């Protein structure tokens, strides 16, 4: 069976649509080389000054590290919580499993401002009892991001468990395997790619989170998206355009590398 190949006209139209959709991203590139102190197109004078400022300013580096740290911690915690929740539903099949799932997925469907205000008041209360997890702390921000991204991890882990043959677990159970042996020896190894996907998705959502971050942080814990928002709101720093170009290049490299790996795998299968 041969696959259908698009014609030249369809390929041309797809290319035009792709260029149209990418134009806003492409327009950022020349803006990042402006020699002025505000966002503008370079009028014959191209400069690397904003790229140099991006790497020389320690605030950008601290914000980048904070985003990575918060993303990794929140993603790891969300995967652990999502895995424990999904395993409980998958193995025990409780009567009100659907209601419990709806409660866990509530942060996904609730208006962002509601979640932000709730977390703001909650972390303010926690700040009165400790200095590690509260308002404008790393621990508080990790907790807030975990609440927001754990629904996505739950969905991915649920899908992975839904594709797992339950007879494998029943066979292990009939042979006298304990619950930890069934979980760590049978179930988790068979859904490891789902757990990895849940971590990656949670990290991406945590990295891009700005609404909740604006409510639960002030001056001590500044992530990269918040730093960019401050630059646009306060002084329209052209370094934001330079950072956007670098992020676009990173994402493009990942996409191209993934496509090249898929093409190589397809050739090897032939």
C-alpha atoms as a PDB file:
ATOM      1  CA  UNK A   1       0.000   0.000   0.000  1.00  0.00           C
ATOM      2  CA  UNK A   2       1.515   3.290  -1.113  1.00  0.00           C
ATOM      3  CA  UNK A   3       0.910   6.517   0.795  1.00  0.00           C
ATOM      4  CA  UNK A   4      -0.694   9.520  -0.816  1.00  0.00           C
ATOM      5  CA  UNK A   5       1.690  12.350  -1.687  1.00  0.00           C
ATOM      6  CA  UNK A   6       0.530  15.977  -1.807  1.00  0.00           C
ATOM      7  CA  UNK A   7       0.710  17.741  -5.139  1.00  0.00           C
ATOM      8  CA  UNK A   8       2.825  20.773  -5.939  1.00  0.00           C
ATOM      9  CA  UNK A   9      -0.067  23.179  -5.458  1.00  0.00           C
ATOM     10  CA  UNK A  10      -0.896  21.743  -2.040  1.00  0.00           C
ATOM     11  CA  UNK A  11       2.769  21.885  -1.033  1.00  0.00           C
ATOM     12  CA  UNK A  12       2.998  25.508  -2.173  1.00  0.00           C
ATOM     13  CA  UNK A  13      -0.142  26.477  -0.271  1.00  0.00           C
ATOM     14  CA  UNK A  14       1.114  24.764   2.884  1.00  0.00           C
ATOM     15  CA  UNK A  15       4.399  26.613   2.559  1.00  0.00           C
ATOM     16  CA  UNK A  16       2.638  29.965   2.185  1.00  0.00           C
ATOM     17  CA  UNK A  17       0.441  29.278   5.202  1.00  0.00           C
ATOM     18  CA  UNK A  18       3.491  28.291   7.252  1.00  0.00           C
ATOM     19  CA  UNK A  19       5.333  31.480   6.267  1.00  0.00           C
ATOM     20  CA  UNK A  20       2.254  33.558   7.138  1.00  0.00           C
ATOM     21  CA  UNK A  21       2.007  31.957  10.568  1.00  0.00           C
ATOM     22  CA  UNK A  22       5.728  32.369  11.221  1.00  0.00           C
ATOM     23  CA  UNK A  23       5.918  36.019  10.138  1.00  0.00           C
ATOM     24  CA  UNK A  24       5.408  37.400  13.688  1.00  0.00           C
ATOM     25  CA  UNK A  25       8.335  35.256  14.860  1.00  0.00           C
ATOM     26  CA  UNK A  26      10.508  36.222  11.906  1.00  0.00           C
ATOM     27  CA  UNK A  27       9.827  39.925  12.532  1.00  0.00           C
ATOM     28  CA  UNK A  28      11.476  39.638  15.953  1.00  0.00           C
ATOM     29  CA  UNK A  29      14.858  38.809  14.399  1.00  0.00           C
ATOM     30  CA  UNK A  30      15.680  42.230  12.890  1.00  0.00           C
ATOM     31  CA  UNK A  31      14.270  44.010  15.946  1.00  0.00           C
ATOM     32  CA  UNK A  32      16.800  42.177  18.133  1.00  0.00           C
ATOM     33  CA  UNK A  33      19.660  43.798  16.159  1.00  0.00           C
ATOM     34  CA  UNK A  34      18.528  47.397  16.630  1.00  0.00           C
ATOM     35  CA  UNK A  35      21.088  49.829  17.993  1.00  0.00           C
ATOM     36  CA  UNK A  36      18.467  51.916  19.806  1.00  0.00           C
ATOM     37  CA  UNK A  37      17.394  51.608  23.423  1.00  0.00           C
ATOM     38  CA  UNK A  38      13.801  50.802  22.546  1.00  0.00           C
ATOM     39  CA  UNK A  39      12.071  48.255  20.324  1.00  0.00           C
ATOM     40  CA  UNK A  40      12.440  49.301  16.704  1.00  0.00           C
ATOM     41  CA  UNK A  41      13.643  48.050  13.342  1.00  0.00           C
ATOM     42  CA  UNK A  42      17.305  48.811  12.578  1.00  0.00           C
ATOM     43  CA  UNK A  43      17.597  51.638  10.047  1.00  0.00           C
ATOM     44  CA  UNK A  44      20.883  50.598   8.481  1.00  0.00           C
ATOM     45  CA  UNK A  45      22.772  50.261  11.775  1.00  0.00           C
ATOM     46  CA  UNK A  46      22.756  46.669  13.007  1.00  0.00           C
ATOM     47  CA  UNK A  47      24.141  45.996  16.469  1.00  0.00           C
ATOM     48  CA  UNK A  48      24.825  43.066  18.803  1.00  0.00           C
ATOM     49  CA  UNK A  49      24.610  45.271  21.881  1.00  0.00           C
ATOM     50  CA  UNK A  50      21.371  43.771  23.196  1.00  0.00           C
ATOM     51  CA  UNK A  51      22.701  40.228  22.869  1.00  0.00           C
ATOM     52  CA  UNK A  52      25.804  41.321  24.775  1.00  0.00           C
ATOM     53  CA  UNK A  53      23.638  42.989  27.411  1.00  0.00           C
ATOM     54  CA  UNK A  54      21.581  39.819  27.711  1.00  0.00           C
ATOM     55  CA  UNK A  55      24.637  37.737  28.585  1.00  0.00           C
ATOM     56  CA  UNK A  56      26.372  40.363  30.703  1.00  0.00           C
ATOM     57  CA  UNK A  57      23.374  41.204  32.910  1.00  0.00           C
ATOM     58  CA  UNK A  58      23.331  38.774  35.875  1.00  0.00           C
ATOM     59  CA  UNK A  59      19.602  39.356  36.430  1.00  0.00           C
ATOM     60  CA  UNK A  60      18.740  37.504  33.223  1.00  0.00           C
ATOM     61  CA  UNK A  61      20.951  34.594  34.243  1.00  0.00           C
ATOM     62  CA  UNK A  62      19.349  34.396  37.686  1.00  0.00           C
ATOM     63  CA  UNK A  63      15.869  34.476  36.161  1.00  0.00           C
ATOM     64  CA  UNK A  64      16.816  31.738  33.702  1.00  0.00           C
ATOM     65  CA  UNK A  65      18.137  29.539  36.496  1.00  0.00           C
ATOM     66  CA  UNK A  66      15.039  30.229  38.611  1.00  0.00           C
ATOM     67  CA  UNK A  67      12.768  29.155  35.752  1.00  0.00           C
ATOM     68  CA  UNK A  68      14.766  25.956  35.235  1.00  0.00           C
ATOM     69  CA  UNK A  69      14.835  25.206  38.948  1.00  0.00           C
ATOM     70  CA  UNK A  70      11.117  25.838  39.424  1.00  0.00           C
ATOM     71  CA  UNK A  71      10.262  23.896  36.263  1.00  0.00           C
ATOM     72  CA  UNK A  72      12.279  20.822  37.241  1.00  0.00           C
ATOM     73  CA  UNK A  73      11.033  20.759  40.839  1.00  0.00           C
ATOM     74  CA  UNK A  74       7.389  21.419  39.952  1.00  0.00           C
ATOM     75  CA  UNK A  75       7.462  18.884  37.112  1.00  0.00           C
ATOM     76  CA  UNK A  76       9.054  16.189  39.259  1.00  0.00           C
ATOM     77  CA  UNK A  77       6.567  16.760  42.063  1.00  0.00           C
ATOM     78  CA  UNK A  78       3.604  16.823  39.687  1.00  0.00           C
ATOM     79  CA  UNK A  79       4.682  13.548  38.023  1.00  0.00           C
ATOM     80  CA  UNK A  80       5.033  11.857  41.410  1.00  0.00           C
ATOM     81  CA  UNK A  81       1.613  13.072  42.562  1.00  0.00           C
ATOM     82  CA  UNK A  82      -0.047  12.280  39.228  1.00  0.00           C
ATOM     83  CA  UNK A  83       1.469   8.788  39.155  1.00  0.00           C
ATOM     84  CA  UNK A  84       0.328   8.020  42.687  1.00  0.00           C
ATOM     85  CA  UNK A  85      -3.186   9.285  41.939  1.00  0.00           C
ATOM     86  CA  UNK A  86      -3.528   7.439  38.623  1.00  0.00           C
ATOM     87  CA  UNK A  87      -2.121   4.218  40.027  1.00  0.00           C
ATOM     88  CA  UNK A  88      -4.651   4.350  42.829  1.00  0.00           C
ATOM     89  CA  UNK A  89      -7.505   4.766  40.368  1.00  0.00           C
ATOM     90  CA  UNK A  90      -6.153   2.139  37.979  1.00  0.00           C
ATOM     91  CA  UNK A  91      -5.518  -0.522  40.605  1.00  0.00           C
ATOM     92  CA  UNK A  92      -8.398   0.059  43.032  1.00  0.00           C
ATOM     93  CA  UNK A  93     -11.120   1.375  40.714  1.00  0.00           C
ATOM     94  CA  UNK A  94     -12.915   3.404  43.401  1.00  0.00           C
ATOM     95  CA  UNK A  95     -16.617   4.113  43.134  1.00  0.00           C
ATOM     96  CA  UNK A  96     -16.206   7.859  42.823  1.00  0.00           C
ATOM     97  CA  UNK A  97     -13.134   7.769  40.592  1.00  0.00           C
ATOM     98  CA  UNK A  98     -14.672  10.103  38.017  1.00  0.00           C
ATOM     99  CA  UNK A  99     -15.513  12.681  40.681  1.00  0.00           C
ATOM    100  CA  UNK A 100     -11.995  12.476  42.086  1.00  0.00           C
ATOM    101  CA  UNK A 101     -10.515  12.937  38.620  1.00  0.00           C
ATOM    102  CA  UNK A 102     -12.703  15.978  38.004  1.00  0.00           C
ATOM    103  CA  UNK A 103     -11.505  17.505  41.274  1.00  0.00           C
ATOM    104  CA  UNK A 104      -7.842  16.959  40.330  1.00  0.00           C
ATOM    105  CA  UNK A 105      -8.403  18.508  36.880  1.00  0.00           C
ATOM    106  CA  UNK A 106     -10.155  21.559  38.358  1.00  0.00           C
ATOM    107  CA  UNK A 107      -7.111  23.922  38.042  1.00  0.00           C
ATOM    108  CA  UNK A 108      -7.144  23.259  34.302  1.00  0.00           C
ATOM    109  CA  UNK A 109     -10.713  24.491  33.786  1.00  0.00           C
ATOM    110  CA  UNK A 110     -10.889  27.167  36.481  1.00  0.00           C
ATOM    111  CA  UNK A 111     -10.303  30.778  35.355  1.00  0.00           C
ATOM    112  CA  UNK A 112      -6.607  31.657  35.817  1.00  0.00           C
ATOM    113  CA  UNK A 113      -7.413  34.708  37.932  1.00  0.00           C
ATOM    114  CA  UNK A 114      -9.378  32.521  40.365  1.00  0.00           C
ATOM    115  CA  UNK A 115      -6.486  30.093  40.738  1.00  0.00           C
ATOM    116  CA  UNK A 116      -4.031  32.975  41.076  1.00  0.00           C
ATOM    117  CA  UNK A 117      -6.005  34.716  43.818  1.00  0.00           C
ATOM    118  CA  UNK A 118      -6.547  31.453  45.678  1.00  0.00           C
ATOM    119  CA  UNK A 119      -2.850  30.620  45.622  1.00  0.00           C
ATOM    120  CA  UNK A 120      -1.969  34.202  46.580  1.00  0.00           C
ATOM    121  CA  UNK A 121      -4.037  34.110  49.776  1.00  0.00           C
ATOM    122  CA  UNK A 122      -2.958  30.542  50.545  1.00  0.00           C
ATOM    123  CA  UNK A 123       0.760  31.333  50.241  1.00  0.00           C
ATOM    124  CA  UNK A 124       0.315  34.517  52.253  1.00  0.00           C
ATOM    125  CA  UNK A 125      -1.077  32.388  55.073  1.00  0.00           C
ATOM    126  CA  UNK A 126       1.802  29.953  54.775  1.00  0.00           C
ATOM    127  CA  UNK A 127       4.271  32.850  54.984  1.00  0.00           C
ATOM    128  CA  UNK A 128       3.082  33.526  58.515  1.00  0.00           C
ATOM    129  CA  UNK A 129       4.148  30.046  59.644  1.00  0.00           C
ATOM    130  CA  UNK A 130       7.411  29.469  57.759  1.00  0.00           C
ATOM    131  CA  UNK A 131       9.934  31.179  55.511  1.00  0.00           C
ATOM    132  CA  UNK A 132      10.504  28.373  53.003  1.00  0.00           C
ATOM    133  CA  UNK A 133       7.080  27.916  51.427  1.00  0.00           C
ATOM    134  CA  UNK A 134       5.125  31.135  51.154  1.00  0.00           C
ATOM    135  CA  UNK A 135       4.625  34.294  49.156  1.00  0.00           C
ATOM    136  CA  UNK A 136       7.581  35.334  46.970  1.00  0.00           C
ATOM    137  CA  UNK A 137       9.667  32.273  47.864  1.00  0.00           C
ATOM    138  CA  UNK A 138      11.064  29.516  45.689  1.00  0.00           C
ATOM    139  CA  UNK A 139       9.142  26.881  47.603  1.00  0.00           C
ATOM    140  CA  UNK A 140       5.886  28.797  47.281  1.00  0.00           C
ATOM    141  CA  UNK A 141       6.378  29.265  43.556  1.00  0.00           C
ATOM    142  CA  UNK A 142       7.138  25.548  43.104  1.00  0.00           C
ATOM    143  CA  UNK A 143       3.965  24.699  45.014  1.00  0.00           C
ATOM    144  CA  UNK A 144       1.885  27.097  42.910  1.00  0.00           C
ATOM    145  CA  UNK A 145       3.286  25.752  39.647  1.00  0.00           C
ATOM    146  CA  UNK A 146       2.721  22.180  40.804  1.00  0.00           C
ATOM    147  CA  UNK A 147      -0.944  22.914  41.425  1.00  0.00           C
ATOM    148  CA  UNK A 148      -1.277  24.375  37.940  1.00  0.00           C
ATOM    149  CA  UNK A 149       0.591  21.684  35.965  1.00  0.00           C
ATOM    150  CA  UNK A 150      -0.394  18.498  37.802  1.00  0.00           C
ATOM    151  CA  UNK A 151      -3.661  18.132  35.800  1.00  0.00           C
ATOM    152  CA  UNK A 152      -1.660  17.807  32.575  1.00  0.00           C
ATOM    153  CA  UNK A 153       0.563  15.170  34.143  1.00  0.00           C
ATOM    154  CA  UNK A 154      -2.541  13.296  35.326  1.00  0.00           C
ATOM    155  CA  UNK A 155      -3.944  13.220  31.787  1.00  0.00           C
ATOM    156  CA  UNK A 156      -0.725  11.873  30.258  1.00  0.00           C
ATOM    157  CA  UNK A 157      -0.252   9.217  32.947  1.00  0.00           C
ATOM    158  CA  UNK A 158      -3.901   8.174  32.648  1.00  0.00           C
ATOM    159  CA  UNK A 159      -3.535   7.716  28.909  1.00  0.00           C
ATOM    160  CA  UNK A 160      -0.395   5.622  29.430  1.00  0.00           C
ATOM    161  CA  UNK A 161      -2.118   3.417  31.998  1.00  0.00           C
ATOM    162  CA  UNK A 162      -5.137   3.082  29.715  1.00  0.00           C
ATOM    163  CA  UNK A 163      -2.897   1.529  27.059  1.00  0.00           C
ATOM    164  CA  UNK A 164      -1.345  -0.930  29.513  1.00  0.00           C
ATOM    165  CA  UNK A 165      -2.671  -4.500  29.432  1.00  0.00           C
ATOM    166  CA  UNK A 166      -4.252  -5.097  32.835  1.00  0.00           C
ATOM    167  CA  UNK A 167      -3.680  -8.837  32.484  1.00  0.00           C
ATOM    168  CA  UNK A 168       0.014  -8.284  33.171  1.00  0.00           C
ATOM    169  CA  UNK A 169      -0.812  -6.902  36.601  1.00  0.00           C
ATOM    170  CA  UNK A 170      -3.389  -9.645  37.235  1.00  0.00           C
ATOM    171  CA  UNK A 171      -0.843 -12.300  36.324  1.00  0.00           C
ATOM    172  CA  UNK A 172       1.705 -10.828  38.728  1.00  0.00           C
ATOM    173  CA  UNK A 173      -0.963 -10.597  41.427  1.00  0.00           C
ATOM    174  CA  UNK A 174      -1.999 -14.244  40.908  1.00  0.00           C
ATOM    175  CA  UNK A 175       1.615 -15.311  41.314  1.00  0.00           C
ATOM    176  CA  UNK A 176       1.798 -13.635  44.728  1.00  0.00           C
ATOM    177  CA  UNK A 177       3.609 -10.438  43.819  1.00  0.00           C
ATOM    178  CA  UNK A 178       3.285  -7.675  46.395  1.00  0.00           C
ATOM    179  CA  UNK A 179       1.891  -4.259  45.566  1.00  0.00           C
ATOM    180  CA  UNK A 180       5.345  -2.552  45.482  1.00  0.00           C
ATOM    181  CA  UNK A 181       6.629  -5.335  43.210  1.00  0.00           C
ATOM    182  CA  UNK A 182       3.679  -4.912  40.872  1.00  0.00           C
ATOM    183  CA  UNK A 183       4.095  -1.144  40.774  1.00  0.00           C
ATOM    184  CA  UNK A 184       7.873  -0.868  40.436  1.00  0.00           C
ATOM    185  CA  UNK A 185       8.478  -4.112  38.581  1.00  0.00           C
ATOM    186  CA  UNK A 186       5.514  -4.319  36.201  1.00  0.00           C
ATOM    187  CA  UNK A 187       3.508  -1.113  35.848  1.00  0.00           C
ATOM    188  CA  UNK A 188       6.019   1.735  36.001  1.00  0.00           C
ATOM    189  CA  UNK A 189       8.567   0.175  33.599  1.00  0.00           C
ATOM    190  CA  UNK A 190       5.812  -0.265  31.017  1.00  0.00           C
ATOM    191  CA  UNK A 191       4.655   3.370  31.237  1.00  0.00           C
ATOM    192  CA  UNK A 192       8.106   4.966  31.522  1.00  0.00           C
ATOM    193  CA  UNK A 193       7.683   6.908  28.280  1.00  0.00           C
ATOM    194  CA  UNK A 194       4.357   8.225  29.522  1.00  0.00           C
ATOM    195  CA  UNK A 195       6.041   9.410  32.717  1.00  0.00           C
ATOM    196  CA  UNK A 196       8.735  11.097  30.642  1.00  0.00           C
ATOM    197  CA  UNK A 197       6.069  12.751  28.493  1.00  0.00           C
ATOM    198  CA  UNK A 198       4.243  13.925  31.625  1.00  0.00           C
ATOM    199  CA  UNK A 199       7.464  15.458  32.947  1.00  0.00           C
ATOM    200  CA  UNK A 200       8.223  17.255  29.674  1.00  0.00           C
ATOM    201  CA  UNK A 201       4.684  18.602  29.347  1.00  0.00           C
ATOM    202  CA  UNK A 202       4.633  19.753  32.969  1.00  0.00           C
ATOM    203  CA  UNK A 203       8.006  21.458  32.524  1.00  0.00           C
ATOM    204  CA  UNK A 204       6.828  23.318  29.416  1.00  0.00           C
ATOM    205  CA  UNK A 205       3.678  24.556  31.129  1.00  0.00           C
ATOM    206  CA  UNK A 206       5.652  25.577  34.208  1.00  0.00           C
ATOM    207  CA  UNK A 207       8.247  27.346  32.071  1.00  0.00           C
ATOM    208  CA  UNK A 208       5.551  29.337  30.276  1.00  0.00           C
ATOM    209  CA  UNK A 209       3.467  30.137  33.382  1.00  0.00           C
ATOM    210  CA  UNK A 210       3.138  33.879  33.983  1.00  0.00           C
ATOM    211  CA  UNK A 211      -0.362  34.559  35.348  1.00  0.00           C
ATOM    212  CA  UNK A 212       0.029  32.756  38.667  1.00  0.00           C
ATOM    213  CA  UNK A 213       3.674  33.825  38.916  1.00  0.00           C
ATOM    214  CA  UNK A 214       2.684  37.496  38.841  1.00  0.00           C
ATOM    215  CA  UNK A 215       0.351  36.950  41.799  1.00  0.00           C
ATOM    216  CA  UNK A 216       2.586  34.846  44.057  1.00  0.00           C
ATOM    217  CA  UNK A 217       5.970  36.570  43.537  1.00  0.00           C
ATOM    218  CA  UNK A 218       7.271  40.090  43.960  1.00  0.00           C
ATOM    219  CA  UNK A 219      11.009  40.893  43.915  1.00  0.00           C
ATOM    220  CA  UNK A 220      12.818  37.895  45.409  1.00  0.00           C
ATOM    221  CA  UNK A 221      11.741  35.125  43.025  1.00  0.00           C
ATOM    222  CA  UNK A 222      11.679  36.287  39.401  1.00  0.00           C
ATOM    223  CA  UNK A 223      11.319  33.733  36.625  1.00  0.00           C
ATOM    224  CA  UNK A 224      12.323  34.354  33.030  1.00  0.00           C
ATOM    225  CA  UNK A 225       8.751  35.024  31.768  1.00  0.00           C
ATOM    226  CA  UNK A 226       8.216  37.467  34.642  1.00  0.00           C
ATOM    227  CA  UNK A 227      11.519  39.212  33.817  1.00  0.00           C
ATOM    228  CA  UNK A 228      10.379  39.550  30.199  1.00  0.00           C
ATOM    229  CA  UNK A 229       7.008  40.890  31.318  1.00  0.00           C
ATOM    230  CA  UNK A 230       8.728  43.440  33.556  1.00  0.00           C
ATOM    231  CA  UNK A 231      10.951  44.514  30.655  1.00  0.00           C
ATOM    232  CA  UNK A 232       7.949  45.062  28.405  1.00  0.00           C
ATOM    233  CA  UNK A 233       5.894  46.812  31.064  1.00  0.00           C
ATOM    234  CA  UNK A 234       8.532  49.081  32.584  1.00  0.00           C
ATOM    235  CA  UNK A 235      11.034  50.130  29.901  1.00  0.00           C
ATOM    236  CA  UNK A 236      10.429  48.032  26.740  1.00  0.00           C
ATOM    237  CA  UNK A 237      13.921  46.557  26.847  1.00  0.00           C
ATOM    238  CA  UNK A 238      15.111  45.386  23.367  1.00  0.00           C
ATOM    239  CA  UNK A 239      16.986  42.579  25.115  1.00  0.00           C
ATOM    240  CA  UNK A 240      13.623  40.810  25.226  1.00  0.00           C
ATOM    241  CA  UNK A 241      13.708  40.559  21.431  1.00  0.00           C
ATOM    242  CA  UNK A 242      17.205  39.074  21.603  1.00  0.00           C
ATOM    243  CA  UNK A 243      16.060  36.547  24.198  1.00  0.00           C
ATOM    244  CA  UNK A 244      13.037  35.685  22.041  1.00  0.00           C
ATOM    245  CA  UNK A 245      15.311  34.958  19.075  1.00  0.00           C
ATOM    246  CA  UNK A 246      17.469  32.673  21.202  1.00  0.00           C
ATOM    247  CA  UNK A 247      14.421  30.800  22.487  1.00  0.00           C
ATOM    248  CA  UNK A 248      13.122  30.427  18.927  1.00  0.00           C
ATOM    249  CA  UNK A 249      16.475  28.989  17.853  1.00  0.00           C
ATOM    250  CA  UNK A 250      16.459  26.508  20.739  1.00  0.00           C
ATOM    251  CA  UNK A 251      12.931  25.336  19.932  1.00  0.00           C
ATOM    252  CA  UNK A 252      13.741  25.131  16.198  1.00  0.00           C
ATOM    253  CA  UNK A 253      16.852  23.063  16.934  1.00  0.00           C
ATOM    254  CA  UNK A 254      14.826  20.653  19.068  1.00  0.00           C
ATOM    255  CA  UNK A 255      12.102  20.307  16.409  1.00  0.00           C
ATOM    256  CA  UNK A 256      14.616  19.798  13.590  1.00  0.00           C
ATOM    257  CA  UNK A 257      16.580  17.295  15.650  1.00  0.00           C
ATOM    258  CA  UNK A 258      13.415  15.375  16.485  1.00  0.00           C
ATOM    259  CA  UNK A 259      12.376  15.328  12.815  1.00  0.00           C
ATOM    260  CA  UNK A 260      15.842  14.163  11.725  1.00  0.00           C
ATOM    261  CA  UNK A 261      15.762  11.390  14.323  1.00  0.00           C
ATOM    262  CA  UNK A 262      12.301  10.287  13.149  1.00  0.00           C
ATOM    263  CA  UNK A 263      13.419  10.252   9.496  1.00  0.00           C
ATOM    264  CA  UNK A 264      16.506   8.242  10.385  1.00  0.00           C
ATOM    265  CA  UNK A 265      14.413   5.754  12.358  1.00  0.00           C
ATOM    266  CA  UNK A 266      11.983   5.447   9.423  1.00  0.00           C
ATOM    267  CA  UNK A 267      14.860   4.734   7.011  1.00  0.00           C
ATOM    268  CA  UNK A 268      16.314   2.096   9.338  1.00  0.00           C
ATOM    269  CA  UNK A 269      12.955   0.307   9.514  1.00  0.00           C
ATOM    270  CA  UNK A 270      12.827   0.127   5.726  1.00  0.00           C
END
